[in-house]
Amino acid sequence: MSQADVSVSDYITRAGLTQQLGAVTETAFVEKVQQYQLNLQQFLQQASSVQVQWQYQVPELGEGGACSLFGQLADEPYDLTAILGGQTEHNQVALQALGNIAAFYREHSGLDWFGVYQARTNTDAEAVLVKLAYYGAASRAEFPLNSEFAKISNNSTVGLTGKARVINDVTAYLDSGGEYYTCDPKVQAEACLPLFDQSGKIAGIVDAEDFNKNVFTADAMALLVAVCLTVPAYLP
């Protein structure tokens, strides 16, 4: 598998991340992203395969598809088999690689939660973002990819528009009138970035969250962009 043919500069522009560079020059930011890309590729070549999660626990969903009581899990786990078209060798390899990417991100970011979502059609013929790999607390498996749900979901908004959304202070964001899908009330910062395939189509998103504010510095964003440029080549 090869990396998606998207340059760092092109990604920054298309995802609308220029303002996230702060005082860091684009040249310096690009160099940092490229170093993380190299480190991630080396990690993938050397990493032992993680155990693939074909099933994982998910929260109970309430009215409108929002999470109900925090920590209240659904009786049945979510199973990726149907939406991926079976537990094939190709899917197994892809999920192992994505699991290793999540492990790399956890090691280098130290953040509390991270997930990789792919844009797919579910068994009800609905366009969704499906969570393929993650670490952290249980969270929903599918986010509807439609304009109505995007009104309350950063994930769906980014999945539809291809524009990143970075919130370094969730409380301030809500106080200013921003819409926010809350599953874990401890989350204080979130960065949701798009994934683009080689044709330029939005292939999915990554979502990173933390229980502390102001964690998405320029360096943290460089790490996340490196992940976004690597993931598409490993999607099933």
C-alpha atoms as a PDB file:
ATOM      1  CA  MET A   1       0.000   0.000   0.000  1.00  0.00           C
ATOM      2  CA  SER A   2       1.206   3.497  -0.773  1.00  0.00           C
ATOM      3  CA  GLN A   3       0.380   6.814   0.776  1.00  0.00           C
ATOM      4  CA  ALA A   4      -2.411   8.864  -0.752  1.00  0.00           C
ATOM      5  CA  ASP A   5      -1.147  11.263  -3.391  1.00  0.00           C
ATOM      6  CA  VAL A   6      -1.915  14.417  -1.409  1.00  0.00           C
ATOM      7  CA  SER A   7       0.836  16.860  -0.478  1.00  0.00           C
ATOM      8  CA  VAL A   8       0.970  18.408   2.967  1.00  0.00           C
ATOM      9  CA  SER A   9       0.405  21.909   1.570  1.00  0.00           C
ATOM     10  CA  ASP A  10      -2.568  20.737  -0.504  1.00  0.00           C
ATOM     11  CA  TYR A  11      -4.063  19.069   2.541  1.00  0.00           C
ATOM     12  CA  ILE A  12      -3.634  22.171   4.715  1.00  0.00           C
ATOM     13  CA  THR A  13      -5.394  24.287   2.110  1.00  0.00           C
ATOM     14  CA  ARG A  14      -8.216  21.902   1.319  1.00  0.00           C
ATOM     15  CA  ALA A  15      -8.947  21.085   4.970  1.00  0.00           C
ATOM     16  CA  GLY A  16      -8.890  24.787   5.895  1.00  0.00           C
ATOM     17  CA  LEU A  17      -6.117  24.413   8.449  1.00  0.00           C
ATOM     18  CA  THR A  18      -4.023  27.485   7.653  1.00  0.00           C
ATOM     19  CA  GLN A  19      -5.198  29.325  10.764  1.00  0.00           C
ATOM     20  CA  GLN A  20      -4.161  26.365  12.934  1.00  0.00           C
ATOM     21  CA  LEU A  21      -0.472  26.987  12.197  1.00  0.00           C
ATOM     22  CA  GLY A  22      -0.342  29.936  14.577  1.00  0.00           C
ATOM     23  CA  ALA A  23       3.107  31.536  14.614  1.00  0.00           C
ATOM     24  CA  VAL A  24       4.641  28.518  12.886  1.00  0.00           C
ATOM     25  CA  THR A  25       5.505  29.029   9.218  1.00  0.00           C
ATOM     26  CA  GLU A  26       3.935  26.697   6.690  1.00  0.00           C
ATOM     27  CA  THR A  27       7.392  25.492   5.690  1.00  0.00           C
ATOM     28  CA  ALA A  28       8.221  24.516   9.263  1.00  0.00           C
ATOM     29  CA  PHE A  29       4.814  22.889   9.682  1.00  0.00           C
ATOM     30  CA  VAL A  30       5.213  20.864   6.480  1.00  0.00           C
ATOM     31  CA  GLU A  31       8.635  19.649   7.596  1.00  0.00           C
ATOM     32  CA  LYS A  32       7.185  18.562  10.948  1.00  0.00           C
ATOM     33  CA  VAL A  33       4.341  16.692   9.238  1.00  0.00           C
ATOM     34  CA  GLN A  34       6.773  14.950   6.896  1.00  0.00           C
ATOM     35  CA  GLN A  35       8.916  13.842   9.826  1.00  0.00           C
ATOM     36  CA  TYR A  36       5.853  12.383  11.551  1.00  0.00           C
ATOM     37  CA  GLN A  37       4.895  10.654   8.293  1.00  0.00           C
ATOM     38  CA  LEU A  38       8.314   9.046   8.121  1.00  0.00           C
ATOM     39  CA  ASN A  39       8.147   7.977  11.765  1.00  0.00           C
ATOM     40  CA  LEU A  40       4.692   6.508  11.229  1.00  0.00           C
ATOM     41  CA  GLN A  41       5.774   4.506   8.180  1.00  0.00           C
ATOM     42  CA  GLN A  42       8.731   3.117  10.126  1.00  0.00           C
ATOM     43  CA  PHE A  43       6.395   2.234  12.975  1.00  0.00           C
ATOM     44  CA  LEU A  44       4.041   0.391  10.620  1.00  0.00           C
ATOM     45  CA  GLN A  45       6.916  -1.598   9.154  1.00  0.00           C
ATOM     46  CA  GLN A  46       8.154  -2.674  12.563  1.00  0.00           C
ATOM     47  CA  ALA A  47       4.978  -2.888  14.628  1.00  0.00           C
ATOM     48  CA  SER A  48       3.553  -6.196  15.715  1.00  0.00           C
ATOM     49  CA  SER A  49      -0.020  -6.668  14.568  1.00  0.00           C
ATOM     50  CA  VAL A  50      -2.653  -5.464  17.021  1.00  0.00           C
ATOM     51  CA  GLN A  51      -5.684  -7.617  17.683  1.00  0.00           C
ATOM     52  CA  VAL A  52      -8.392  -6.637  15.205  1.00  0.00           C
ATOM     53  CA  GLN A  53     -11.662  -5.459  16.763  1.00  0.00           C
ATOM     54  CA  TRP A  54     -14.450  -6.754  14.550  1.00  0.00           C
ATOM     55  CA  GLN A  55     -16.869  -6.032  17.371  1.00  0.00           C
ATOM     56  CA  TYR A  56     -16.857  -3.278  19.970  1.00  0.00           C
ATOM     57  CA  GLN A  57     -19.176  -1.896  22.601  1.00  0.00           C
ATOM     58  CA  VAL A  58     -21.238   1.196  21.843  1.00  0.00           C
ATOM     59  CA  PRO A  59     -23.392   3.548  23.940  1.00  0.00           C
ATOM     60  CA  GLU A  60     -27.154   3.408  24.004  1.00  0.00           C
ATOM     61  CA  LEU A  61     -28.545   5.993  21.610  1.00  0.00           C
ATOM     62  CA  GLY A  62     -31.379   8.281  22.619  1.00  0.00           C
ATOM     63  CA  GLU A  63     -33.782  10.533  20.772  1.00  0.00           C
ATOM     64  CA  GLY A  64     -32.377  11.930  17.537  1.00  0.00           C
ATOM     65  CA  GLY A  65     -29.493   9.463  17.602  1.00  0.00           C
ATOM     66  CA  ALA A  66     -27.682  11.198  20.452  1.00  0.00           C
ATOM     67  CA  CYS A  67     -25.976   9.219  23.175  1.00  0.00           C
ATOM     68  CA  SER A  68     -28.266   8.577  26.121  1.00  0.00           C
ATOM     69  CA  LEU A  69     -26.830   8.302  29.617  1.00  0.00           C
ATOM     70  CA  PHE A  70     -23.035   8.525  29.581  1.00  0.00           C
ATOM     71  CA  GLY A  71     -21.544   5.119  30.301  1.00  0.00           C
ATOM     72  CA  GLN A  72     -24.759   3.235  29.489  1.00  0.00           C
ATOM     73  CA  LEU A  73     -23.823   0.664  26.866  1.00  0.00           C
ATOM     74  CA  ALA A  74     -26.046  -1.084  24.350  1.00  0.00           C
ATOM     75  CA  ASP A  75     -26.770  -4.758  24.988  1.00  0.00           C
ATOM     76  CA  GLU A  76     -25.292  -5.821  21.659  1.00  0.00           C
ATOM     77  CA  PRO A  77     -21.826  -4.794  20.421  1.00  0.00           C
ATOM     78  CA  TYR A  78     -21.422  -3.267  16.973  1.00  0.00           C
ATOM     79  CA  ASP A  79     -20.100  -5.716  14.365  1.00  0.00           C
ATOM     80  CA  LEU A  80     -18.084  -4.418  11.412  1.00  0.00           C
ATOM     81  CA  THR A  81     -18.525  -7.587   9.372  1.00  0.00           C
ATOM     82  CA  ALA A  82     -21.691  -6.566   7.508  1.00  0.00           C
ATOM     83  CA  ILE A  83     -20.719  -3.031   6.519  1.00  0.00           C
ATOM     84  CA  LEU A  84     -17.264  -4.191   5.339  1.00  0.00           C
ATOM     85  CA  GLY A  85     -18.656  -7.079   3.316  1.00  0.00           C
ATOM     86  CA  GLY A  86     -17.242  -9.889   5.420  1.00  0.00           C
ATOM     87  CA  GLN A  87     -14.185 -10.803   7.473  1.00  0.00           C
ATOM     88  CA  THR A  88     -11.944 -11.121   4.437  1.00  0.00           C
ATOM     89  CA  GLU A  89      -8.164 -11.231   4.471  1.00  0.00           C
ATOM     90  CA  HIS A  90      -8.072  -7.770   2.844  1.00  0.00           C
ATOM     91  CA  ASN A  91     -10.297  -6.321   5.565  1.00  0.00           C
ATOM     92  CA  GLN A  92      -8.281  -8.059   8.276  1.00  0.00           C
ATOM     93  CA  VAL A  93      -5.023  -6.546   6.984  1.00  0.00           C
ATOM     94  CA  ALA A  94      -6.618  -3.110   6.673  1.00  0.00           C
ATOM     95  CA  LEU A  95      -8.023  -3.143  10.201  1.00  0.00           C
ATOM     96  CA  GLN A  96      -4.694  -4.313  11.622  1.00  0.00           C
ATOM     97  CA  ALA A  97      -2.904  -1.429   9.903  1.00  0.00           C
ATOM     98  CA  LEU A  98      -5.468   1.097  11.135  1.00  0.00           C
ATOM     99  CA  GLY A  99      -5.165  -0.328  14.641  1.00  0.00           C
ATOM    100  CA  ASN A 100      -1.405   0.151  14.476  1.00  0.00           C
ATOM    101  CA  ILE A 101      -1.869   3.739  13.279  1.00  0.00           C
ATOM    102  CA  ALA A 102      -4.119   4.364  16.270  1.00  0.00           C
ATOM    103  CA  ALA A 103      -1.439   2.857  18.527  1.00  0.00           C
ATOM    104  CA  PHE A 104       1.170   5.180  17.011  1.00  0.00           C
ATOM    105  CA  TYR A 105      -1.056   8.191  17.542  1.00  0.00           C
ATOM    106  CA  ARG A 106      -1.730   7.221  21.152  1.00  0.00           C
ATOM    107  CA  GLU A 107       1.987   6.814  21.838  1.00  0.00           C
ATOM    108  CA  HIS A 108       2.944  10.159  20.318  1.00  0.00           C
ATOM    109  CA  SER A 109      -0.048  12.320  21.271  1.00  0.00           C
ATOM    110  CA  GLY A 110      -0.940  11.095  24.736  1.00  0.00           C
ATOM    111  CA  LEU A 111      -4.545  12.166  24.091  1.00  0.00           C
ATOM    112  CA  ASP A 112      -7.489  10.402  25.699  1.00  0.00           C
ATOM    113  CA  TRP A 113      -9.456   9.335  22.621  1.00  0.00           C
ATOM    114  CA  PHE A 114      -8.916   8.767  18.903  1.00  0.00           C
ATOM    115  CA  GLY A 115     -10.897   7.164  16.104  1.00  0.00           C
ATOM    116  CA  VAL A 116     -10.659   6.481  12.362  1.00  0.00           C
ATOM    117  CA  TYR A 117     -13.914   6.602  10.399  1.00  0.00           C
ATOM    118  CA  GLN A 118     -14.572   5.640   6.783  1.00  0.00           C
ATOM    119  CA  ALA A 119     -17.391   6.970   4.618  1.00  0.00           C
ATOM    120  CA  ARG A 120     -19.531   3.969   3.632  1.00  0.00           C
ATOM    121  CA  THR A 121     -23.092   2.872   2.966  1.00  0.00           C
ATOM    122  CA  ASN A 122     -24.526   0.843   5.838  1.00  0.00           C
ATOM    123  CA  THR A 123     -26.869  -2.144   5.676  1.00  0.00           C
ATOM    124  CA  ASP A 124     -29.868   0.217   5.643  1.00  0.00           C
ATOM    125  CA  ALA A 125     -28.503   1.886   2.480  1.00  0.00           C
ATOM    126  CA  GLU A 126     -27.651   5.049   4.433  1.00  0.00           C
ATOM    127  CA  ALA A 127     -24.477   7.084   3.959  1.00  0.00           C
ATOM    128  CA  VAL A 128     -22.523   6.992   7.217  1.00  0.00           C
ATOM    129  CA  LEU A 129     -19.126   7.387   8.797  1.00  0.00           C
ATOM    130  CA  VAL A 130     -18.256   4.019  10.351  1.00  0.00           C
ATOM    131  CA  LYS A 131     -15.619   3.694  13.064  1.00  0.00           C
ATOM    132  CA  LEU A 132     -12.971   1.191  11.958  1.00  0.00           C
ATOM    133  CA  ALA A 133     -10.316   1.618  14.652  1.00  0.00           C
ATOM    134  CA  TYR A 134     -10.055   3.585  17.879  1.00  0.00           C
ATOM    135  CA  TYR A 135      -8.807   3.742  21.417  1.00  0.00           C
ATOM    136  CA  GLY A 136     -10.461   5.214  24.494  1.00  0.00           C
ATOM    137  CA  ALA A 137     -13.977   5.072  25.896  1.00  0.00           C
ATOM    138  CA  ALA A 138     -16.843   3.365  24.068  1.00  0.00           C
ATOM    139  CA  SER A 139     -18.459   5.605  21.456  1.00  0.00           C
ATOM    140  CA  ARG A 140     -21.028   5.328  18.680  1.00  0.00           C
ATOM    141  CA  ALA A 141     -20.169   3.233  15.651  1.00  0.00           C
ATOM    142  CA  GLU A 142     -21.892   5.140  12.844  1.00  0.00           C
ATOM    143  CA  PHE A 143     -22.489   8.829  12.229  1.00  0.00           C
ATOM    144  CA  PRO A 144     -25.126   9.656   9.598  1.00  0.00           C
ATOM    145  CA  LEU A 145     -23.672  11.577   6.663  1.00  0.00           C
ATOM    146  CA  ASN A 146     -26.516  13.999   6.055  1.00  0.00           C
ATOM    147  CA  SER A 147     -27.079  17.711   6.513  1.00  0.00           C
ATOM    148  CA  GLU A 148     -29.630  17.247   9.290  1.00  0.00           C
ATOM    149  CA  PHE A 149     -27.311  15.273  11.566  1.00  0.00           C
ATOM    150  CA  ALA A 150     -24.412  17.579  10.672  1.00  0.00           C
ATOM    151  CA  LYS A 151     -26.261  20.324  12.580  1.00  0.00           C
ATOM    152  CA  ILE A 152     -25.295  18.572  15.828  1.00  0.00           C
ATOM    153  CA  SER A 153     -22.196  16.607  14.816  1.00  0.00           C
ATOM    154  CA  ASN A 154     -18.687  17.798  13.991  1.00  0.00           C
ATOM    155  CA  ASN A 155     -17.910  14.361  12.574  1.00  0.00           C
ATOM    156  CA  SER A 156     -20.755  14.497  10.078  1.00  0.00           C
ATOM    157  CA  THR A 157     -20.006  18.134   9.195  1.00  0.00           C
ATOM    158  CA  VAL A 158     -16.361  17.368   8.411  1.00  0.00           C
ATOM    159  CA  GLY A 159     -17.366  14.194   6.570  1.00  0.00           C
ATOM    160  CA  LEU A 160     -19.639  16.218   4.298  1.00  0.00           C
ATOM    161  CA  THR A 161     -17.572  19.382   3.796  1.00  0.00           C
ATOM    162  CA  GLY A 162     -13.971  18.179   3.979  1.00  0.00           C
ATOM    163  CA  LYS A 163     -13.197  21.128   6.246  1.00  0.00           C
ATOM    164  CA  ALA A 164     -11.453  20.433   9.562  1.00  0.00           C
ATOM    165  CA  ARG A 165     -12.987  21.526  12.826  1.00  0.00           C
ATOM    166  CA  VAL A 166     -10.674  22.144  15.767  1.00  0.00           C
ATOM    167  CA  ILE A 167     -12.088  23.060  19.180  1.00  0.00           C
ATOM    168  CA  ASN A 168      -9.574  23.726  21.927  1.00  0.00           C
ATOM    169  CA  ASP A 169     -12.192  24.688  24.513  1.00  0.00           C
ATOM    170  CA  VAL A 170     -15.521  22.858  24.239  1.00  0.00           C
ATOM    171  CA  THR A 171     -17.168  24.907  27.008  1.00  0.00           C
ATOM    172  CA  ALA A 172     -16.299  28.220  25.355  1.00  0.00           C
ATOM    173  CA  TYR A 173     -17.441  26.820  22.002  1.00  0.00           C
ATOM    174  CA  LEU A 174     -20.827  25.867  23.443  1.00  0.00           C
ATOM    175  CA  ASP A 175     -21.163  29.201  25.251  1.00  0.00           C
ATOM    176  CA  SER A 176     -20.633  30.967  21.924  1.00  0.00           C
ATOM    177  CA  GLY A 177     -23.563  29.079  20.418  1.00  0.00           C
ATOM    178  CA  GLY A 178     -21.692  26.248  18.732  1.00  0.00           C
ATOM    179  CA  GLU A 179     -23.474  22.926  18.210  1.00  0.00           C
ATOM    180  CA  TYR A 180     -21.758  19.920  19.728  1.00  0.00           C
ATOM    181  CA  TYR A 181     -22.480  16.185  19.889  1.00  0.00           C
ATOM    182  CA  THR A 182     -21.725  15.184  23.476  1.00  0.00           C
ATOM    183  CA  CYS A 183     -21.131  11.537  24.316  1.00  0.00           C
ATOM    184  CA  ASP A 184     -18.487  12.019  27.019  1.00  0.00           C
ATOM    185  CA  PRO A 185     -18.923  15.160  29.159  1.00  0.00           C
ATOM    186  CA  LYS A 186     -15.268  15.019  30.223  1.00  0.00           C
ATOM    187  CA  VAL A 187     -14.078  15.977  26.713  1.00  0.00           C
ATOM    188  CA  GLN A 188     -12.660  19.517  26.710  1.00  0.00           C
ATOM    189  CA  ALA A 189     -10.972  19.625  23.293  1.00  0.00           C
ATOM    190  CA  GLU A 190     -11.614  17.954  19.947  1.00  0.00           C
ATOM    191  CA  ALA A 191     -10.026  17.971  16.494  1.00  0.00           C
ATOM    192  CA  CYS A 192     -11.913  16.407  13.618  1.00  0.00           C
ATOM    193  CA  LEU A 193     -10.016  16.243  10.303  1.00  0.00           C
ATOM    194  CA  PRO A 194     -10.992  14.899   6.870  1.00  0.00           C
ATOM    195  CA  LEU A 195      -9.440  12.034   4.944  1.00  0.00           C
ATOM    196  CA  PHE A 196      -9.065  12.354   1.169  1.00  0.00           C
ATOM    197  CA  ASP A 197      -8.492   9.513  -1.273  1.00  0.00           C
ATOM    198  CA  GLN A 198      -6.250   9.803  -4.330  1.00  0.00           C
ATOM    199  CA  SER A 199      -9.103  11.139  -6.457  1.00  0.00           C
ATOM    200  CA  GLY A 200      -9.705  13.931  -3.947  1.00  0.00           C
ATOM    201  CA  LYS A 201     -12.974  12.478  -2.671  1.00  0.00           C
ATOM    202  CA  ILE A 202     -13.691  12.651   1.050  1.00  0.00           C
ATOM    203  CA  ALA A 203     -12.935   9.123   2.234  1.00  0.00           C
ATOM    204  CA  GLY A 204     -13.696   9.621   5.919  1.00  0.00           C
ATOM    205  CA  ILE A 205     -12.414  11.455   8.975  1.00  0.00           C
ATOM    206  CA  VAL A 206     -10.259  11.094  12.050  1.00  0.00           C
ATOM    207  CA  ASP A 207     -11.413  12.384  15.403  1.00  0.00           C
ATOM    208  CA  ALA A 208      -9.165  13.131  18.385  1.00  0.00           C
ATOM    209  CA  GLU A 209     -10.361  14.196  21.826  1.00  0.00           C
ATOM    210  CA  ASP A 210      -8.869  15.036  25.190  1.00  0.00           C
ATOM    211  CA  PHE A 211     -10.031  15.807  28.706  1.00  0.00           C
ATOM    212  CA  ASN A 212      -7.831  18.925  28.787  1.00  0.00           C
ATOM    213  CA  LYS A 213      -8.216  22.237  26.971  1.00  0.00           C
ATOM    214  CA  ASN A 214      -5.814  23.774  24.454  1.00  0.00           C
ATOM    215  CA  VAL A 215      -4.047  20.537  23.532  1.00  0.00           C
ATOM    216  CA  PHE A 216      -4.157  21.079  19.769  1.00  0.00           C
ATOM    217  CA  THR A 217      -0.988  23.070  19.331  1.00  0.00           C
ATOM    218  CA  ALA A 218       0.775  23.398  15.962  1.00  0.00           C
ATOM    219  CA  ASP A 219       2.910  20.356  16.784  1.00  0.00           C
ATOM    220  CA  ALA A 220      -0.152  18.332  17.793  1.00  0.00           C
ATOM    221  CA  MET A 221      -1.832  19.299  14.537  1.00  0.00           C
ATOM    222  CA  ALA A 222       1.250  18.263  12.543  1.00  0.00           C
ATOM    223  CA  LEU A 223       1.008  14.788  14.071  1.00  0.00           C
ATOM    224  CA  LEU A 224      -2.690  14.571  13.261  1.00  0.00           C
ATOM    225  CA  VAL A 225      -2.187  15.751   9.666  1.00  0.00           C
ATOM    226  CA  ALA A 226       0.536  13.112   9.202  1.00  0.00           C
ATOM    227  CA  VAL A 227      -1.960  10.485  10.319  1.00  0.00           C
ATOM    228  CA  CYS A 228      -4.597  11.862   7.930  1.00  0.00           C
ATOM    229  CA  LEU A 229      -2.197  11.644   5.011  1.00  0.00           C
ATOM    230  CA  THR A 230      -1.302   8.048   5.883  1.00  0.00           C
ATOM    231  CA  VAL A 231      -4.671   6.499   6.735  1.00  0.00           C
ATOM    232  CA  PRO A 232      -6.375   6.556   3.277  1.00  0.00           C
ATOM    233  CA  ALA A 233      -3.904   4.043   1.796  1.00  0.00           C
ATOM    234  CA  TYR A 234      -4.947   1.517   4.439  1.00  0.00           C
ATOM    235  CA  LEU A 235      -8.727   1.878   4.306  1.00  0.00           C
ATOM    236  CA  PRO A 236     -10.568  -1.337   3.358  1.00  0.00           C
END
